[in-house]
Amino acid sequence: MNTNQYKGFRGIRFGVYVGILHLIGFNCLFASTADSTLLGLGFLAYTLGMRHAFDADHIVAIDNTIRKLVQQKEDAVGVGF
């Protein structure tokens, strides 16, 4: 396996980790809620967390870190994960 294929594999691996974490989180949310209010609060917390994660200041910080690592010829895979 050459270097480019390995880097692509690592990117896919991060995506799989994110998917598994979402499955575990949603399964825990649905399994533990007997009250619909708690389910609504769980979805609200998830959506507010996603809004916070994709806020402009976080995107800029990740972009700046990646640019610096690329400039230093270091591996930038997984920054912001």
PDB file of N, CA and C in Angstrom:
ATOM      1  N   MET A   1       0.854  -1.162   0.000  1.00  0.00           N
ATOM      2  CA  MET A   1       0.000   0.000   0.000  1.00  0.00           C
ATOM      3  C   MET A   1       0.908   1.236   0.000  1.00  0.00           C
ATOM      4  N   ASN A   2       0.720   2.120  -0.982  1.00  0.00           N
ATOM      5  CA  ASN A   2       1.565   3.307  -1.028  1.00  0.00           C
ATOM      6  C   ASN A   2       1.038   4.391  -0.080  1.00  0.00           C
ATOM      7  N   THR A   3       1.758   5.494   0.017  1.00  0.00           N
ATOM      8  CA  THR A   3       1.453   6.544   0.990  1.00  0.00           C
ATOM      9  C   THR A   3       0.098   7.190   0.732  1.00  0.00           C
ATOM     10  N   ASN A   4      -0.246   7.441  -0.525  1.00  0.00           N
ATOM     11  CA  ASN A   4      -1.528   8.076  -0.841  1.00  0.00           C
ATOM     12  C   ASN A   4      -2.699   7.180  -0.478  1.00  0.00           C
ATOM     13  N   GLN A   5      -2.571   5.881  -0.717  1.00  0.00           N
ATOM     14  CA  GLN A   5      -3.647   4.967  -0.351  1.00  0.00           C
ATOM     15  C   GLN A   5      -3.790   4.900   1.161  1.00  0.00           C
ATOM     16  N   TYR A   6      -2.672   4.941   1.873  1.00  0.00           N
ATOM     17  CA  TYR A   6      -2.719   4.890   3.328  1.00  0.00           C
ATOM     18  C   TYR A   6      -3.402   6.130   3.897  1.00  0.00           C
ATOM     19  N   LYS A   7      -3.116   7.308   3.333  1.00  0.00           N
ATOM     20  CA  LYS A   7      -3.758   8.542   3.804  1.00  0.00           C
ATOM     21  C   LYS A   7      -5.256   8.505   3.548  1.00  0.00           C
ATOM     22  N   GLY A   8      -5.672   7.971   2.415  1.00  0.00           N
ATOM     23  CA  GLY A   8      -7.094   7.838   2.130  1.00  0.00           C
ATOM     24  C   GLY A   8      -7.771   6.888   3.091  1.00  0.00           C
ATOM     25  N   PHE A   9      -7.073   5.809   3.442  1.00  0.00           N
ATOM     26  CA  PHE A   9      -7.606   4.836   4.385  1.00  0.00           C
ATOM     27  C   PHE A   9      -7.790   5.473   5.760  1.00  0.00           C
ATOM     28  N   ARG A  10      -6.849   6.327   6.166  1.00  0.00           N
ATOM     29  CA  ARG A  10      -6.968   6.981   7.466  1.00  0.00           C
ATOM     30  C   ARG A  10      -8.141   7.944   7.476  1.00  0.00           C
ATOM     31  N   GLY A  11      -8.402   8.636   6.376  1.00  0.00           N
ATOM     32  CA  GLY A  11      -9.553   9.525   6.307  1.00  0.00           C
ATOM     33  C   GLY A  11     -10.858   8.765   6.417  1.00  0.00           C
ATOM     34  N   ILE A  12     -10.919   7.615   5.765  1.00  0.00           N
ATOM     35  CA  ILE A  12     -12.109   6.772   5.866  1.00  0.00           C
ATOM     36  C   ILE A  12     -12.275   6.259   7.282  1.00  0.00           C
ATOM     37  N   ARG A  13     -11.164   5.937   7.934  1.00  0.00           N
ATOM     38  CA  ARG A  13     -11.213   5.437   9.307  1.00  0.00           C
ATOM     39  C   ARG A  13     -11.814   6.493  10.241  1.00  0.00           C
ATOM     40  N   PHE A  14     -11.443   7.765  10.080  1.00  0.00           N
ATOM     41  CA  PHE A  14     -12.040   8.820  10.901  1.00  0.00           C
ATOM     42  C   PHE A  14     -13.538   8.909  10.651  1.00  0.00           C
ATOM     43  N   GLY A  15     -13.962   8.785   9.405  1.00  0.00           N
ATOM     44  CA  GLY A  15     -15.384   8.813   9.091  1.00  0.00           C
ATOM     45  C   GLY A  15     -16.143   7.658   9.732  1.00  0.00           C
ATOM     46  N   VAL A  16     -15.531   6.487   9.736  1.00  0.00           N
ATOM     47  CA  VAL A  16     -16.151   5.322  10.372  1.00  0.00           C
ATOM     48  C   VAL A  16     -16.277   5.547  11.876  1.00  0.00           C
ATOM     49  N   TYR A  17     -15.251   6.135  12.492  1.00  0.00           N
ATOM     50  CA  TYR A  17     -15.315   6.431  13.925  1.00  0.00           C
ATOM     51  C   TYR A  17     -16.457   7.401  14.236  1.00  0.00           C
ATOM     52  N   VAL A  18     -16.621   8.414  13.423  1.00  0.00           N
ATOM     53  CA  VAL A  18     -17.698   9.384  13.636  1.00  0.00           C
ATOM     54  C   VAL A  18     -19.053   8.684  13.500  1.00  0.00           C
ATOM     55  N   GLY A  19     -19.186   7.837  12.496  1.00  0.00           N
ATOM     56  CA  GLY A  19     -20.436   7.101  12.312  1.00  0.00           C
ATOM     57  C   GLY A  19     -20.757   6.186  13.484  1.00  0.00           C
ATOM     58  N   ILE A  20     -19.755   5.483  13.982  1.00  0.00           N
ATOM     59  CA  ILE A  20     -19.957   4.588  15.124  1.00  0.00           C
ATOM     60  C   ILE A  20     -20.349   5.379  16.367  1.00  0.00           C
ATOM     61  N   LEU A  21     -19.695   6.515  16.599  1.00  0.00           N
ATOM     62  CA  LEU A  21     -20.046   7.349  17.750  1.00  0.00           C
ATOM     63  C   LEU A  21     -21.481   7.861  17.653  1.00  0.00           C
ATOM     64  N   HIS A  22     -21.921   8.222  16.447  1.00  0.00           N
ATOM     65  CA  HIS A  22     -23.302   8.660  16.275  1.00  0.00           C
ATOM     66  C   HIS A  22     -24.282   7.514  16.536  1.00  0.00           C
ATOM     67  N   LEU A  23     -23.976   6.332  16.028  1.00  0.00           N
ATOM     68  CA  LEU A  23     -24.855   5.186  16.285  1.00  0.00           C
ATOM     69  C   LEU A  23     -24.961   4.885  17.771  1.00  0.00           C
ATOM     70  N   ILE A  24     -23.843   4.887  18.469  1.00  0.00           N
ATOM     71  CA  ILE A  24     -23.864   4.620  19.910  1.00  0.00           C
ATOM     72  C   ILE A  24     -24.654   5.702  20.637  1.00  0.00           C
ATOM     73  N   GLY A  25     -24.409   6.957  20.291  1.00  0.00           N
ATOM     74  CA  GLY A  25     -25.105   8.053  20.961  1.00  0.00           C
ATOM     75  C   GLY A  25     -26.605   8.032  20.737  1.00  0.00           C
ATOM     76  N   PHE A  26     -27.026   7.822  19.486  1.00  0.00           N
ATOM     77  CA  PHE A  26     -28.461   7.790  19.213  1.00  0.00           C
ATOM     78  C   PHE A  26     -29.114   6.556  19.827  1.00  0.00           C
ATOM     79  N   ASN A  27     -28.433   5.421  19.844  1.00  0.00           N
ATOM     80  CA  ASN A  27     -28.987   4.239  20.505  1.00  0.00           C
ATOM     81  C   ASN A  27     -29.163   4.481  21.996  1.00  0.00           C
ATOM     82  N   CYS A  28     -28.187   5.105  22.630  1.00  0.00           N
ATOM     83  CA  CYS A  28     -28.317   5.430  24.059  1.00  0.00           C
ATOM     84  C   CYS A  28     -29.455   6.412  24.294  1.00  0.00           C
ATOM     85  N   LEU A  29     -29.596   7.394  23.413  1.00  0.00           N
ATOM     86  CA  LEU A  29     -30.659   8.383  23.560  1.00  0.00           C
ATOM     87  C   LEU A  29     -32.027   7.736  23.445  1.00  0.00           C
ATOM     88  N   PHE A  30     -32.224   6.903  22.437  1.00  0.00           N
ATOM     89  CA  PHE A  30     -33.528   6.276  22.242  1.00  0.00           C
ATOM     90  C   PHE A  30     -33.814   5.209  23.290  1.00  0.00           C
ATOM     91  N   ALA A  31     -32.789   4.525  23.767  1.00  0.00           N
ATOM     92  CA  ALA A  31     -33.000   3.462  24.750  1.00  0.00           C
ATOM     93  C   ALA A  31     -33.290   4.026  26.138  1.00  0.00           C
ATOM     94  N   SER A  32     -32.783   5.196  26.443  1.00  0.00           N
ATOM     95  CA  SER A  32     -32.906   5.698  27.808  1.00  0.00           C
ATOM     96  C   SER A  32     -34.060   6.671  28.004  1.00  0.00           C
ATOM     97  N   THR A  33     -34.760   7.016  26.964  1.00  0.00           N
ATOM     98  CA  THR A  33     -35.815   8.017  27.124  1.00  0.00           C
ATOM     99  C   THR A  33     -37.183   7.367  27.174  1.00  0.00           C
ATOM    100  N   ALA A  34     -37.798   7.472  28.333  1.00  0.00           N
ATOM    101  CA  ALA A  34     -39.185   7.033  28.466  1.00  0.00           C
ATOM    102  C   ALA A  34     -40.114   8.222  28.279  1.00  0.00           C
ATOM    103  N   ASP A  35     -39.570   9.417  28.449  1.00  0.00           N
ATOM    104  CA  ASP A  35     -40.347  10.640  28.338  1.00  0.00           C
ATOM    105  C   ASP A  35     -39.965  11.363  27.045  1.00  0.00           C
ATOM    106  N   SER A  36     -40.966  11.825  26.311  1.00  0.00           N
ATOM    107  CA  SER A  36     -40.682  12.487  25.036  1.00  0.00           C
ATOM    108  C   SER A  36     -39.987  13.834  25.240  1.00  0.00           C
ATOM    109  N   THR A  37     -40.146  14.430  26.420  1.00  0.00           N
ATOM    110  CA  THR A  37     -39.456  15.690  26.694  1.00  0.00           C
ATOM    111  C   THR A  37     -37.946  15.488  26.702  1.00  0.00           C
ATOM    112  N   LEU A  38     -37.488  14.401  27.298  1.00  0.00           N
ATOM    113  CA  LEU A  38     -36.057  14.113  27.338  1.00  0.00           C
ATOM    114  C   LEU A  38     -35.516  13.824  25.942  1.00  0.00           C
ATOM    115  N   LEU A  39     -36.316  13.179  25.124  1.00  0.00           N
ATOM    116  CA  LEU A  39     -35.902  12.930  23.749  1.00  0.00           C
ATOM    117  C   LEU A  39     -35.746  14.244  22.996  1.00  0.00           C
ATOM    118  N   GLY A  40     -36.682  15.156  23.180  1.00  0.00           N
ATOM    119  CA  GLY A  40     -36.588  16.473  22.547  1.00  0.00           C
ATOM    120  C   GLY A  40     -35.377  17.252  23.040  1.00  0.00           C
ATOM    121  N   LEU A  41     -35.094  17.181  24.334  1.00  0.00           N
ATOM    122  CA  LEU A  41     -33.918  17.857  24.874  1.00  0.00           C
ATOM    123  C   LEU A  41     -32.625  17.249  24.334  1.00  0.00           C
ATOM    124  N   GLY A  42     -32.624  15.928  24.124  1.00  0.00           N
ATOM    125  CA  GLY A  42     -31.449  15.274  23.549  1.00  0.00           C
ATOM    126  C   GLY A  42     -31.182  15.748  22.131  1.00  0.00           C
ATOM    127  N   PHE A  43     -32.231  15.846  21.332  1.00  0.00           N
ATOM    128  CA  PHE A  43     -32.063  16.345  19.960  1.00  0.00           C
ATOM    129  C   PHE A  43     -31.659  17.816  19.943  1.00  0.00           C
ATOM    130  N   LEU A  44     -32.208  18.596  20.875  1.00  0.00           N
ATOM    131  CA  LEU A  44     -31.838  20.005  20.962  1.00  0.00           C
ATOM    132  C   LEU A  44     -30.354  20.148  21.319  1.00  0.00           C
ATOM    133  N   ALA A  45     -29.895  19.365  22.280  1.00  0.00           N
ATOM    134  CA  ALA A  45     -28.480  19.415  22.656  1.00  0.00           C
ATOM    135  C   ALA A  45     -27.591  19.003  21.493  1.00  0.00           C
ATOM    136  N   TYR A  46     -28.019  17.993  20.733  1.00  0.00           N
ATOM    137  CA  TYR A  46     -27.228  17.537  19.585  1.00  0.00           C
ATOM    138  C   TYR A  46     -27.145  18.629  18.518  1.00  0.00           C
ATOM    139  N   THR A  47     -28.269  19.251  18.199  1.00  0.00           N
ATOM    140  CA  THR A  47     -28.255  20.270  17.143  1.00  0.00           C
ATOM    141  C   THR A  47     -27.491  21.522  17.585  1.00  0.00           C
ATOM    142  N   LEU A  48     -27.619  21.909  18.854  1.00  0.00           N
ATOM    143  CA  LEU A  48     -26.849  23.055  19.327  1.00  0.00           C
ATOM    144  C   LEU A  48     -25.348  22.734  19.350  1.00  0.00           C
ATOM    145  N   GLY A  49     -25.005  21.503  19.662  1.00  0.00           N
ATOM    146  CA  GLY A  49     -23.600  21.089  19.617  1.00  0.00           C
ATOM    147  C   GLY A  49     -23.052  21.100  18.201  1.00  0.00           C
ATOM    148  N   MET A  50     -23.862  20.670  17.238  1.00  0.00           N
ATOM    149  CA  MET A  50     -23.423  20.718  15.845  1.00  0.00           C
ATOM    150  C   MET A  50     -23.256  22.161  15.374  1.00  0.00           C
ATOM    151  N   ARG A  51     -24.161  23.026  15.791  1.00  0.00           N
ATOM    152  CA  ARG A  51     -24.034  24.441  15.425  1.00  0.00           C
ATOM    153  C   ARG A  51     -22.760  25.034  16.018  1.00  0.00           C
ATOM    154  N   HIS A  52     -22.463  24.672  17.238  1.00  0.00           N
ATOM    155  CA  HIS A  52     -21.252  25.154  17.897  1.00  0.00           C
ATOM    156  C   HIS A  52     -20.000  24.603  17.213  1.00  0.00           C
ATOM    157  N   ALA A  53     -20.042  23.339  16.789  1.00  0.00           N
ATOM    158  CA  ALA A  53     -18.875  22.712  16.159  1.00  0.00           C
ATOM    159  C   ALA A  53     -18.551  23.344  14.815  1.00  0.00           C
ATOM    160  N   PHE A  54     -19.563  23.759  14.075  1.00  0.00           N
ATOM    161  CA  PHE A  54     -19.342  24.341  12.751  1.00  0.00           C
ATOM    162  C   PHE A  54     -19.364  25.873  12.788  1.00  0.00           C
ATOM    163  N   ASP A  55     -19.124  26.425  13.951  1.00  0.00           N
ATOM    164  CA  ASP A  55     -19.027  27.874  14.095  1.00  0.00           C
ATOM    165  C   ASP A  55     -17.792  28.378  13.366  1.00  0.00           C
ATOM    166  N   ALA A  56     -17.843  29.600  12.912  1.00  0.00           N
ATOM    167  CA  ALA A  56     -16.761  30.144  12.074  1.00  0.00           C
ATOM    168  C   ALA A  56     -15.418  30.154  12.781  1.00  0.00           C
ATOM    169  N   ASP A  57     -15.395  30.444  14.084  1.00  0.00           N
ATOM    170  CA  ASP A  57     -14.102  30.509  14.766  1.00  0.00           C
ATOM    171  C   ASP A  57     -13.436  29.145  14.857  1.00  0.00           C
ATOM    172  N   HIS A  58     -14.227  28.088  14.971  1.00  0.00           N
ATOM    173  CA  HIS A  58     -13.630  26.746  14.996  1.00  0.00           C
ATOM    174  C   HIS A  58     -13.081  26.361  13.623  1.00  0.00           C
ATOM    175  N   ILE A  59     -13.822  26.681  12.584  1.00  0.00           N
ATOM    176  CA  ILE A  59     -13.372  26.370  11.230  1.00  0.00           C
ATOM    177  C   ILE A  59     -12.078  27.111  10.918  1.00  0.00           C
ATOM    178  N   VAL A  60     -11.988  28.374  11.325  1.00  0.00           N
ATOM    179  CA  VAL A  60     -10.777  29.166  11.083  1.00  0.00           C
ATOM    180  C   VAL A  60      -9.594  28.598  11.855  1.00  0.00           C
ATOM    181  N   ALA A  61      -9.816  28.198  13.110  1.00  0.00           N
ATOM    182  CA  ALA A  61      -8.727  27.632  13.908  1.00  0.00           C
ATOM    183  C   ALA A  61      -8.213  26.331  13.298  1.00  0.00           C
ATOM    184  N   ILE A  62      -9.117  25.479  12.828  1.00  0.00           N
ATOM    185  CA  ILE A  62      -8.715  24.226  12.195  1.00  0.00           C
ATOM    186  C   ILE A  62      -7.966  24.506  10.901  1.00  0.00           C
ATOM    187  N   ASP A  63      -8.471  25.451  10.107  1.00  0.00           N
ATOM    188  CA  ASP A  63      -7.819  25.805   8.847  1.00  0.00           C
ATOM    189  C   ASP A  63      -6.415  26.342   9.084  1.00  0.00           C
ATOM    190  N   ASN A  64      -6.260  27.218  10.070  1.00  0.00           N
ATOM    191  CA  ASN A  64      -4.935  27.757  10.364  1.00  0.00           C
ATOM    192  C   ASN A  64      -3.970  26.681  10.834  1.00  0.00           C
ATOM    193  N   THR A  65      -4.449  25.749  11.645  1.00  0.00           N
ATOM    194  CA  THR A  65      -3.597  24.666  12.120  1.00  0.00           C
ATOM    195  C   THR A  65      -3.166  23.770  10.969  1.00  0.00           C
ATOM    196  N   ILE A  66      -4.089  23.454  10.076  1.00  0.00           N
ATOM    197  CA  ILE A  66      -3.748  22.610   8.921  1.00  0.00           C
ATOM    198  C   ILE A  66      -2.737  23.310   8.029  1.00  0.00           C
ATOM    199  N   ARG A  67      -2.941  24.592   7.778  1.00  0.00           N
ATOM    200  CA  ARG A  67      -1.989  25.343   6.940  1.00  0.00           C
ATOM    201  C   ARG A  67      -0.588  25.331   7.549  1.00  0.00           C
ATOM    202  N   LYS A  68      -0.501  25.510   8.868  1.00  0.00           N
ATOM    203  CA  LYS A  68       0.802  25.511   9.534  1.00  0.00           C
ATOM    204  C   LYS A  68       1.460  24.136   9.445  1.00  0.00           C
ATOM    205  N   LEU A  69       0.695  23.079   9.667  1.00  0.00           N
ATOM    206  CA  LEU A  69       1.260  21.734   9.600  1.00  0.00           C
ATOM    207  C   LEU A  69       1.710  21.384   8.190  1.00  0.00           C
ATOM    208  N   VAL A  70       0.947  21.776   7.195  1.00  0.00           N
ATOM    209  CA  VAL A  70       1.326  21.518   5.804  1.00  0.00           C
ATOM    210  C   VAL A  70       2.587  22.301   5.454  1.00  0.00           C
ATOM    211  N   GLN A  71       2.664  23.528   5.930  1.00  0.00           N
ATOM    212  CA  GLN A  71       3.845  24.346   5.671  1.00  0.00           C
ATOM    213  C   GLN A  71       5.095  23.722   6.313  1.00  0.00           C
ATOM    214  N   GLN A  72       4.917  23.087   7.474  1.00  0.00           N
ATOM    215  CA  GLN A  72       6.031  22.435   8.155  1.00  0.00           C
ATOM    216  C   GLN A  72       6.251  21.008   7.644  1.00  0.00           C
ATOM    217  N   LYS A  73       5.465  20.605   6.644  1.00  0.00           N
ATOM    218  CA  LYS A  73       5.536  19.271   6.048  1.00  0.00           C
ATOM    219  C   LYS A  73       5.268  18.162   7.082  1.00  0.00           C
ATOM    220  N   GLU A  74       4.293  18.418   7.938  1.00  0.00           N
ATOM    221  CA  GLU A  74       3.858  17.431   8.919  1.00  0.00           C
ATOM    222  C   GLU A  74       2.488  16.903   8.520  1.00  0.00           C
ATOM    223  N   ASP A  75       2.093  15.804   9.147  1.00  0.00           N
ATOM    224  CA  ASP A  75       0.815  15.178   8.835  1.00  0.00           C
ATOM    225  C   ASP A  75      -0.324  15.965   9.467  1.00  0.00           C
ATOM    226  N   ALA A  76      -1.295  16.370   8.687  1.00  0.00           N
ATOM    227  CA  ALA A  76      -2.414  17.172   9.174  1.00  0.00           C
ATOM    228  C   ALA A  76      -3.716  16.388   9.243  1.00  0.00           C
ATOM    229  N   VAL A  77      -3.670  15.085   9.058  1.00  0.00           N
ATOM    230  CA  VAL A  77      -4.887  14.273   9.090  1.00  0.00           C
ATOM    231  C   VAL A  77      -5.381  14.181  10.530  1.00  0.00           C
ATOM    232  N   GLY A  78      -6.639  14.444  10.728  1.00  0.00           N
ATOM    233  CA  GLY A  78      -7.242  14.333  12.045  1.00  0.00           C
ATOM    234  C   GLY A  78      -7.266  15.626  12.831  1.00  0.00           C
ATOM    235  N   VAL A  79      -6.797  16.715  12.253  1.00  0.00           N
ATOM    236  CA  VAL A  79      -6.840  17.993  12.957  1.00  0.00           C
ATOM    237  C   VAL A  79      -8.299  18.408  13.076  1.00  0.00           C
ATOM    238  N   GLY A  80      -8.703  18.763  14.273  1.00  0.00           N
ATOM    239  CA  GLY A  80     -10.073  19.192  14.512  1.00  0.00           C
ATOM    240  C   GLY A  80     -11.035  18.050  14.739  1.00  0.00           C
ATOM    241  N   PHE A  81     -10.518  16.858  14.872  1.00  0.00           N
ATOM    242  CA  PHE A  81     -11.382  15.694  15.063  1.00  0.00           C
ATOM    243  C   PHE A  81     -11.515  15.387  16.520  1.00  0.00           C
TER     244      PHE A  81
END
